[in-house]
């Protein structure tokens, strides 16, 4: 019988456990289907450049600069009915007249192998990216990172997973995820290196075609080489049940316990622990799924309660997914609206994608941040050879000490010169506003030329 909600949803309803399990979600390819069986090997070369005013969005900056860039990318995929292998190697060097240069390599390797009733997955990755004072990201423990300075961000990850008892009444999962985050260049003077190691164990039992149980346990160790030498470890356990009411409706309940211990130099050791609760009802119809859920989680800033209403729907020309809710923090005593929206609409020559989200996250300094993000993209094809693209990204962070708004807009024209060669050119516009700083504005022109090589299948 089809199950609309997996055991992992029970974990998510438990609240804080979802944060721990999120560390194991690597971008591994979906298990190979019969139609995907084969070998694919591709190589891409890109050269280009951009020039404009205040490319780094310095407050009040008006300087002009130019940079040349290139990209070399090789990807290899081998899929069989039982094994999927993926390898990627890429470097994107930048040469700038202001001295902000870098190679920015990326390496990825992932393997997924299925044996009778068992599936093994493994992944390794390394990525170097540019850091500016406007960058926003997350570490593997879900902590919000707001960067300062310029330079490079280096992130190495390893993942191992084992799932057993597939399609059996009793099943199990093991998981490990480790990451190492470091900085180089000027960014190493104002950002802190960190390490994260996460372990998970899950047991599932299919009591009947209508009822299933899931027991999930996790442990996360986090260390940051900042001035406080922050050390945080999180333990969580939850027991959940999924009960199908009828062919279209299922009920999900979970009860657990979570403990977060925080150690910092100059501060007394702090511990937040308590009961975690999850409850949700999911109903399917001919067009999608409705879900109403409540979750109580425990973070380093105390307990937090979330109430959410979700809707997923497929339409003739696209897909819609939305969530609205409220989040209340016991420690802060504040209530914030949260939500997300994802919409995709595709016609013969036009494609629209839009996502929006508002969430409450914990920053590395222990404060809470309300993060609002909007991404929009519209592509129009003039012909099979040429197209126009419009993109917009806006990110707002609201915290006790300061507010920040970053907006980036992009207009690009692409043209396919030959079967394997394409060019793109366009305009980038940027805006940054921060409390106690002058506004920063940036305008730039760019041009890229790409050649694609692909070996015959």
Protein backbone atom coordinates (compact mmCIF):
# COMPACT_ATOMS: atom_id res chain seq x y z
CA UNK A 1 0.00 0.00 0.00
CA UNK A 2 1.27 3.45 -0.87
CA UNK A 3 2.50 5.45 2.13
CA UNK A 4 2.25 9.24 1.66
CA UNK A 5 4.37 10.03 4.71
CA UNK A 6 7.64 8.21 5.34
CA UNK A 7 9.29 7.39 8.63
CA UNK A 8 11.49 10.47 8.22
CA UNK A 9 8.41 12.66 8.56
CA UNK A 10 7.93 11.17 12.00
CA UNK A 11 11.46 12.30 12.79
CA UNK A 12 10.70 15.79 11.52
CA UNK A 13 7.56 16.01 13.65
CA UNK A 14 9.68 15.32 16.70
CA UNK A 15 11.14 18.81 16.29
CA UNK A 16 14.77 18.95 17.36
CA UNK A 17 15.53 15.50 15.99
CA UNK A 18 14.87 16.85 12.52
CA UNK A 19 17.78 19.27 12.95
CA UNK A 20 20.15 16.41 13.67
CA UNK A 21 18.95 14.22 10.85
CA UNK A 22 19.20 17.14 8.42
CA UNK A 23 22.98 16.89 8.68
CA UNK A 24 22.87 13.57 6.82
CA UNK A 25 21.00 14.85 3.76
CA UNK A 26 23.70 15.01 1.08
CA UNK A 27 23.00 15.79 -2.55
CA UNK A 28 23.33 12.18 -3.65
CA UNK A 29 21.69 11.30 -6.97
CA UNK A 30 18.37 9.51 -6.96
CA UNK A 31 18.70 5.73 -7.28
CA UNK A 32 19.07 4.75 -10.91
CA UNK A 33 15.96 3.79 -12.82
CA UNK A 34 16.10 1.36 -15.71
CA UNK A 35 15.79 4.21 -18.22
CA UNK A 36 18.90 5.87 -16.71
CA UNK A 37 21.20 2.87 -16.99
CA UNK A 38 24.44 3.72 -18.77
CA UNK A 39 27.56 5.90 -18.64
CA UNK A 40 27.71 9.66 -19.10
CA UNK A 41 30.96 11.61 -19.31
CA UNK A 42 30.98 15.36 -19.99
CA UNK A 43 33.48 18.23 -20.00
CA UNK A 44 32.67 21.97 -20.00
CA UNK A 45 34.97 24.95 -20.54
CA UNK A 46 33.87 28.54 -19.85
CA UNK A 47 35.76 31.81 -20.28
CA UNK A 48 34.41 35.26 -19.57
CA UNK A 49 34.62 38.37 -17.50
CA UNK A 50 32.72 41.18 -15.86
CA UNK A 51 33.28 44.87 -15.19
CA UNK A 52 31.38 47.40 -13.15
CA UNK A 53 31.11 49.59 -10.10
CA UNK A 54 31.50 48.42 -6.48
CA UNK A 55 31.53 44.71 -7.33
CA UNK A 56 32.06 43.75 -3.65
CA UNK A 57 29.13 45.90 -2.45
CA UNK A 58 31.22 47.90 0.02
CA UNK A 59 29.10 50.46 1.94
CA UNK A 60 29.24 53.74 0.07
CA UNK A 61 31.75 52.33 -2.44
CA UNK A 62 32.01 53.85 -5.92
CA UNK A 63 35.21 52.24 -7.24
CA UNK A 64 35.24 50.56 -10.66
CA UNK A 65 36.95 47.23 -11.29
CA UNK A 66 37.10 44.35 -13.73
CA UNK A 67 37.78 40.63 -13.49
CA UNK A 68 38.38 37.73 -15.83
CA UNK A 69 36.97 34.33 -14.98
CA UNK A 70 37.02 30.80 -16.30
CA UNK A 71 35.56 27.43 -15.40
CA UNK A 72 36.68 23.88 -16.08
CA UNK A 73 34.19 21.16 -15.20
CA UNK A 74 34.30 17.38 -15.65
CA UNK A 75 31.47 15.05 -14.63
CA UNK A 76 31.17 11.28 -14.79
CA UNK A 77 28.06 9.19 -14.03
CA UNK A 78 27.76 5.42 -14.19
CA UNK A 79 24.35 3.88 -13.51
CA UNK A 80 23.33 0.25 -13.37
CA UNK A 81 20.23 -1.39 -11.96
CA UNK A 82 21.99 -1.82 -8.58
CA UNK A 83 24.75 0.82 -8.47
CA UNK A 84 24.96 4.54 -9.05
CA UNK A 85 28.33 6.33 -9.19
CA UNK A 86 28.83 10.08 -9.56
CA UNK A 87 32.07 12.09 -9.81
CA UNK A 88 32.54 15.81 -10.39
CA UNK A 89 35.68 17.97 -10.55
CA UNK A 90 35.50 21.70 -11.18
CA UNK A 91 37.56 24.84 -10.77
CA UNK A 92 36.44 28.43 -11.37
CA UNK A 93 39.49 30.72 -11.22
CA UNK A 94 39.00 34.49 -10.98
CA UNK A 95 41.58 37.17 -11.76
CA UNK A 96 40.60 40.64 -10.52
CA UNK A 97 42.39 43.96 -10.81
CA UNK A 98 41.68 44.61 -7.10
CA UNK A 99 43.68 41.53 -6.06
CA UNK A 100 40.66 39.43 -4.97
CA UNK A 101 41.77 36.28 -6.82
CA UNK A 102 41.05 32.61 -6.24
CA UNK A 103 40.85 29.16 -7.86
CA UNK A 104 37.63 27.93 -6.13
CA UNK A 105 37.89 24.16 -6.74
CA UNK A 106 34.99 21.74 -6.21
CA UNK A 107 35.22 17.95 -5.87
CA UNK A 108 32.32 15.54 -5.41
CA UNK A 109 32.10 11.76 -5.21
CA UNK A 110 29.05 9.70 -4.34
CA UNK A 111 28.19 6.02 -4.50
CA UNK A 112 24.94 4.22 -3.89
CA UNK A 113 24.68 0.44 -4.10
CA UNK A 114 21.67 -1.76 -3.52
CA UNK A 115 21.85 -5.40 -2.53
CA UNK A 116 18.89 -7.62 -1.60
CA UNK A 117 17.02 -5.81 1.21
CA UNK A 118 20.00 -3.47 1.81
CA UNK A 119 21.25 -0.16 0.45
CA UNK A 120 24.65 1.45 1.08
CA UNK A 121 25.48 5.10 0.34
CA UNK A 122 28.70 7.08 0.66
CA UNK A 123 29.72 10.59 -0.28
CA UNK A 124 32.81 12.81 -0.18
CA UNK A 125 32.98 16.46 -1.18
CA UNK A 126 35.15 19.55 -1.00
CA UNK A 127 34.13 23.03 -2.12
CA UNK A 128 35.87 26.39 -1.99
CA UNK A 129 33.71 29.48 -2.48
CA UNK A 130 34.15 33.23 -2.33
CA UNK A 131 33.31 35.01 0.92
CA UNK A 132 32.35 38.63 1.24
CA UNK A 133 30.88 40.52 4.16
CA UNK A 134 27.42 40.05 2.62
CA UNK A 135 27.52 36.25 2.42
CA UNK A 136 24.96 34.15 4.31
CA UNK A 137 25.11 30.39 4.73
CA UNK A 138 24.53 27.51 7.19
CA UNK A 139 26.79 24.96 8.77
CA UNK A 140 25.93 21.25 8.91
CA UNK A 141 24.32 21.64 12.32
CA UNK A 142 21.80 24.14 10.93
CA UNK A 143 23.48 27.19 12.49
CA UNK A 144 23.16 30.44 10.56
CA UNK A 145 26.50 31.94 9.52
CA UNK A 146 26.73 35.63 8.62
CA UNK A 147 30.20 36.19 7.22
CA UNK A 148 32.54 39.12 7.63
CA UNK A 149 35.51 40.14 5.49
CA UNK A 150 36.71 38.77 2.15
CA UNK A 151 38.50 35.60 1.17
CA UNK A 152 37.68 31.93 0.68
CA UNK A 153 35.40 29.46 2.49
CA UNK A 154 36.56 25.81 2.44
CA UNK A 155 34.07 23.08 3.27
CA UNK A 156 34.91 19.35 3.34
CA UNK A 157 32.23 16.71 3.98
CA UNK A 158 31.97 12.95 4.33
CA UNK A 159 28.80 10.88 4.57
CA UNK A 160 28.09 7.19 5.16
CA UNK A 161 24.69 5.54 5.28
CA UNK A 162 23.30 2.03 5.55
CA UNK A 163 19.68 0.97 5.25
CA UNK A 164 18.57 -2.59 5.90
CA UNK A 165 15.34 -4.51 5.92
CA UNK A 166 14.00 -2.79 2.79
CA UNK A 167 10.43 -3.97 2.08
CA UNK A 168 10.56 -6.06 5.25
CA UNK A 169 8.46 -5.81 8.45
CA UNK A 170 11.55 -4.74 10.41
CA UNK A 171 14.14 -2.29 9.12
CA UNK A 172 17.07 -0.21 10.32
CA UNK A 173 19.23 2.74 9.25
CA UNK A 174 22.71 3.90 10.29
CA UNK A 175 24.17 7.27 9.35
CA UNK A 176 27.31 9.33 9.84
CA UNK A 177 28.05 12.82 8.57
CA UNK A 178 31.18 14.87 9.21
CA UNK A 179 32.17 18.33 8.03
CA UNK A 180 35.17 20.62 8.41
CA UNK A 181 34.75 24.33 7.69
CA UNK A 182 37.76 26.63 7.37
CA UNK A 183 38.65 30.01 5.90
CA UNK A 184 41.59 31.41 3.98
CA UNK A 185 42.62 34.85 2.80
CA UNK A 186 41.34 37.87 4.71
CA UNK A 187 38.23 35.89 5.74
CA UNK A 188 40.34 33.82 8.15
CA UNK A 189 40.86 36.91 10.33
CA UNK A 190 37.15 37.51 10.98
CA UNK A 191 35.45 34.09 10.67
CA UNK A 192 35.83 30.98 12.80
CA UNK A 193 36.71 27.47 11.67
CA UNK A 194 34.29 24.78 12.83
CA UNK A 195 33.80 21.01 12.90
CA UNK A 196 30.65 18.90 13.06
CA UNK A 197 30.15 15.15 13.50
CA UNK A 198 26.70 13.57 13.46
CA UNK A 199 25.54 10.01 14.10
CA UNK A 200 22.07 8.52 13.68
CA UNK A 201 20.34 5.21 14.27
CA UNK A 202 16.80 4.36 13.23
CA UNK A 203 14.56 1.32 13.64
CA UNK A 204 11.25 0.81 11.83
CA UNK A 205 8.50 -1.76 12.30
CA UNK A 206 5.53 -2.37 10.01
CA UNK A 207 2.91 -3.65 12.43
CA UNK A 208 0.30 -3.92 9.67
CA UNK A 209 -0.61 -2.38 6.34
CA UNK A 210 -2.17 0.49 8.32
CA UNK A 211 0.30 1.04 11.19
CA UNK A 212 4.06 1.54 11.43
CA UNK A 213 6.48 2.55 14.19
CA UNK A 214 9.80 4.42 14.01
CA UNK A 215 12.45 4.79 16.71
CA UNK A 216 15.13 7.38 15.92
CA UNK A 217 18.24 8.39 17.85
CA UNK A 218 20.92 10.93 17.00
CA UNK A 219 24.05 12.55 18.43
CA UNK A 220 25.72 15.71 17.09
CA UNK A 221 29.08 17.19 18.15
CA UNK A 222 29.89 20.77 17.12
CA UNK A 223 33.10 22.74 17.80
CA UNK A 224 34.01 26.25 16.70
CA UNK A 225 37.48 27.81 16.97
CA UNK A 226 36.11 31.21 17.90
CA UNK A 227 37.05 33.46 20.83
CA UNK A 228 34.69 31.48 23.09
CA UNK A 229 35.88 28.04 21.85
CA UNK A 230 32.26 26.99 21.51
CA UNK A 231 31.47 23.31 22.03
CA UNK A 232 27.93 22.02 21.61
CA UNK A 233 26.61 18.48 21.64
CA UNK A 234 23.03 17.45 21.02
CA UNK A 235 21.35 14.13 21.86
CA UNK A 236 17.85 13.28 20.70
CA UNK A 237 15.57 10.27 20.71
CA UNK A 238 11.99 9.94 19.49
CA UNK A 239 9.36 7.25 19.03
CA UNK A 240 6.78 7.84 16.34
CA UNK A 241 3.74 6.09 14.95
CA UNK A 242 2.09 6.48 11.59
CA UNK A 243 -1.52 5.36 11.48
CA UNK A 244 -3.43 5.27 8.23
CA UNK A 245 -7.05 6.28 8.81
CA UNK A 246 -8.33 5.51 5.33
CA UNK A 247 -7.01 5.35 1.78
CA UNK A 248 -6.37 9.13 1.72
CA UNK A 249 -5.69 10.12 5.34
CA UNK A 250 -2.92 9.28 7.79
CA UNK A 251 -2.11 10.39 11.34
CA UNK A 252 1.46 10.89 12.60
CA UNK A 253 2.42 11.16 16.26
CA UNK A 254 5.83 11.23 17.94
CA UNK A 255 7.18 11.73 21.42
CA UNK A 256 10.83 12.18 22.30
CA UNK A 257 13.50 13.83 24.41
CA UNK A 258 16.30 16.16 23.37
CA UNK A 259 19.25 17.64 25.24
CA UNK A 260 21.57 20.44 24.06
CA UNK A 261 24.74 21.13 26.09
CA UNK A 262 26.69 24.32 25.36
CA UNK A 263 30.20 25.06 26.66
CA UNK A 264 31.95 28.42 26.12
CA UNK A 265 35.01 30.08 27.67
CA UNK A 266 33.98 32.81 30.08
CA UNK A 267 30.40 31.55 30.43
CA UNK A 268 28.81 28.99 32.69
CA UNK A 269 27.95 25.73 30.98
CA UNK A 270 24.41 25.88 29.67
CA UNK A 271 22.01 22.98 29.11
CA UNK A 272 18.62 23.02 27.47
CA UNK A 273 16.64 19.80 27.50
CA UNK A 274 13.06 18.67 27.45
CA UNK A 275 10.33 16.68 25.80
CA UNK A 276 9.84 16.94 22.05
CA UNK A 277 6.43 16.38 20.53
CA UNK A 278 5.11 15.99 17.01
CA UNK A 279 1.59 15.60 15.67
CA UNK A 280 0.32 15.82 12.14
CA UNK A 281 -2.53 14.85 9.84
CA UNK A 282 -1.95 14.31 6.13
CA UNK A 283 -4.66 13.92 3.50
CA UNK A 284 -4.28 13.24 -0.21
CA UNK A 285 -6.61 14.29 -2.99
CA UNK A 286 -6.48 14.00 -6.74
CA UNK A 287 -4.18 17.02 -7.09
CA UNK A 288 -1.84 16.78 -4.12
CA UNK A 289 -1.47 16.62 -0.34
CA UNK A 290 -2.69 18.65 2.67
CA UNK A 291 -0.82 18.52 6.00
CA UNK A 292 -1.46 20.15 9.38
CA UNK A 293 1.26 19.66 12.00
CA UNK A 294 2.49 20.76 15.40
CA UNK A 295 6.05 20.30 16.67
CA UNK A 296 7.93 21.14 19.84
CA UNK A 297 11.72 21.16 19.59
CA UNK A 298 14.68 21.98 21.83
CA UNK A 299 17.55 24.20 20.60
CA UNK A 300 20.52 25.89 22.27
CA UNK A 301 18.17 28.83 22.89
CA UNK A 302 15.46 26.78 24.63
CA UNK A 303 12.23 25.15 23.53
CA UNK A 304 10.38 26.23 20.40
CA UNK A 305 6.83 25.44 19.23
CA UNK A 306 5.78 25.42 15.58
CA UNK A 307 2.34 25.09 14.02
CA UNK A 308 2.25 24.57 10.25
CA UNK A 309 -0.22 24.08 7.42
CA UNK A 310 1.20 22.64 4.19
CA UNK A 311 -0.24 22.16 0.72
CA UNK A 312 1.35 20.44 -2.29
CA UNK A 313 -0.48 20.55 -5.59
CA UNK A 314 0.23 19.59 -9.18
CA UNK A 315 -1.35 21.58 -12.01
CA UNK A 316 -1.49 21.08 -15.75
CA UNK A 317 1.53 23.32 -16.39
CA UNK A 318 3.41 23.25 -13.11
CA UNK A 319 3.69 22.49 -9.42
CA UNK A 320 2.85 24.39 -6.25
CA UNK A 321 4.07 23.80 -2.69
CA UNK A 322 3.30 26.09 0.22
CA UNK A 323 3.52 26.26 4.02
CA UNK A 324 2.30 28.88 6.51
CA UNK A 325 2.66 28.79 10.27
CA UNK A 326 3.80 30.43 13.48
CA UNK A 327 6.83 29.76 15.66
CA UNK A 328 7.11 30.60 19.36
CA UNK A 329 10.35 30.57 21.37
CA UNK A 330 10.14 30.04 25.13
CA UNK A 331 13.48 31.74 25.78
CA UNK A 332 12.82 34.84 23.66
CA UNK A 333 9.09 34.95 24.39
CA UNK A 334 8.43 36.07 20.82
CA UNK A 335 6.11 34.73 18.16
CA UNK A 336 7.14 34.89 14.50
CA UNK A 337 5.31 34.06 11.32
CA UNK A 338 7.06 31.38 9.25
CA UNK A 339 6.33 29.94 5.87
CA UNK A 340 7.54 28.85 2.46
CA UNK A 341 6.27 28.96 -1.09
CA UNK A 342 7.50 27.18 -4.18
CA UNK A 343 5.88 27.54 -7.59
CA UNK A 344 6.87 26.31 -11.03
CA UNK A 345 4.96 27.07 -14.24
CA UNK A 346 6.12 25.82 -17.62
CA UNK A 347 4.73 26.59 -21.06
CA UNK A 348 6.05 25.91 -24.53
CA UNK A 349 8.49 28.84 -24.53
CA UNK A 350 8.31 30.19 -20.98
CA UNK A 351 9.35 28.87 -17.61
CA UNK A 352 8.65 30.53 -14.24
CA UNK A 353 10.17 29.47 -10.94
CA UNK A 354 9.61 31.26 -7.63
CA UNK A 355 10.43 30.37 -4.03
CA UNK A 356 9.94 32.35 -0.84
CA UNK A 357 10.63 31.43 2.78
CA UNK A 358 10.60 32.92 6.26
CA UNK A 359 12.16 31.03 9.16
CA UNK A 360 13.70 31.48 12.61
CA UNK A 361 17.28 30.19 12.89
CA UNK A 362 20.02 30.18 15.54
CA UNK A 363 23.18 32.15 14.80
CA UNK A 364 26.64 31.00 15.86
CA UNK A 365 26.69 33.60 18.67
CA UNK A 366 23.60 32.05 20.28
CA UNK A 367 21.12 34.70 19.14
CA UNK A 368 18.04 34.04 17.06
CA UNK A 369 17.63 35.45 13.57
CA UNK A 370 14.51 35.80 11.42
CA UNK A 371 15.60 35.01 7.87
CA UNK A 372 13.40 35.93 4.89
CA UNK A 373 14.42 34.92 1.37
CA UNK A 374 12.89 35.36 -2.09
CA UNK A 375 14.10 33.79 -5.33
CA UNK A 376 12.47 34.31 -8.70
CA UNK A 377 13.46 33.29 -12.21
CA UNK A 378 11.74 33.75 -15.58
CA UNK A 379 13.06 32.31 -18.85
CA UNK A 380 11.61 33.08 -22.28
CA UNK A 381 12.77 31.26 -25.42
CA UNK A 382 12.76 33.31 -28.59
CA UNK A 383 13.76 30.23 -30.57
CA UNK A 384 15.51 26.90 -29.94
CA UNK A 385 18.80 28.84 -30.16
CA UNK A 386 18.21 31.98 -28.07
CA UNK A 387 16.54 32.90 -24.78
CA UNK A 388 16.23 35.69 -22.22
CA UNK A 389 16.46 35.15 -18.47
CA UNK A 390 15.38 37.40 -15.58
CA UNK A 391 16.45 36.53 -12.02
CA UNK A 392 15.90 38.13 -8.61
CA UNK A 393 17.18 37.13 -5.16
CA UNK A 394 16.40 39.03 -1.97
CA UNK A 395 17.54 38.07 1.56
CA UNK A 396 16.63 39.89 4.77
CA UNK A 397 18.01 39.06 8.22
CA UNK A 398 16.42 40.55 11.32
CA UNK A 399 18.20 40.15 14.66
CA UNK A 400 18.33 41.93 18.00
CA UNK A 401 21.49 43.87 17.14
CA UNK A 402 21.01 44.74 13.46
CA UNK A 403 18.94 44.27 10.30
CA UNK A 404 20.28 43.59 6.82
CA UNK A 405 18.74 43.46 3.32
CA UNK A 406 20.53 42.12 0.24
CA UNK A 407 18.97 42.26 -3.25
CA UNK A 408 20.52 40.89 -6.45
CA UNK A 409 18.92 41.19 -9.90
CA UNK A 410 20.14 39.67 -13.14
CA UNK A 411 19.14 40.04 -16.79
CA UNK A 412 20.88 37.70 -19.24
CA UNK A 413 20.65 36.84 -22.92
CA UNK A 414 21.86 33.43 -24.10
CA UNK A 415 22.50 32.23 -27.65
CA UNK A 416 23.61 28.86 -28.93
CA UNK A 417 26.31 29.49 -31.53
CA UNK A 418 26.77 25.83 -32.51
CA UNK A 419 25.63 22.48 -31.18
CA UNK A 420 28.30 22.61 -28.44
CA UNK A 421 29.12 26.32 -28.07
CA UNK A 422 26.95 28.92 -26.36
CA UNK A 423 27.36 32.48 -25.14
CA UNK A 424 25.62 34.60 -22.51
CA UNK A 425 25.76 38.27 -21.66
CA UNK A 426 23.84 40.55 -19.36
CA UNK A 427 23.63 42.92 -16.41
CA UNK A 428 23.92 42.32 -12.65
CA UNK A 429 22.49 44.82 -10.14
CA UNK A 430 23.08 44.65 -6.38
CA UNK A 431 21.80 46.49 -3.32
CA UNK A 432 22.81 46.15 0.34
CA UNK A 433 21.37 48.03 3.31
CA UNK A 434 22.57 47.53 6.90
CA UNK A 435 21.94 49.37 10.14
CA UNK A 436 24.63 52.00 10.92
CA UNK A 437 26.20 51.62 7.43
CA UNK A 438 25.83 53.51 4.19
CA UNK A 439 23.84 51.77 1.49
CA UNK A 440 25.87 49.84 -1.06
CA UNK A 441 24.95 49.61 -4.74
CA UNK A 442 26.60 47.68 -7.54
CA UNK A 443 26.17 47.54 -11.32
CA UNK A 444 28.12 45.29 -13.67
CA UNK A 445 28.18 43.84 -17.17
CA UNK A 446 29.24 40.24 -17.86
CA UNK A 447 30.02 38.00 -20.82
CA UNK A 448 30.63 34.22 -20.89
CA UNK A 449 31.46 31.75 -23.64
CA UNK A 450 30.97 28.00 -22.96
CA UNK A 451 32.00 24.86 -24.88
CA UNK A 452 30.45 21.50 -23.99
CA UNK A 453 32.03 18.13 -24.78
CA UNK A 454 30.19 14.88 -24.13
CA UNK A 455 31.39 11.34 -24.83
CA UNK A 456 28.94 9.09 -26.70
CA UNK A 457 26.85 6.86 -24.44
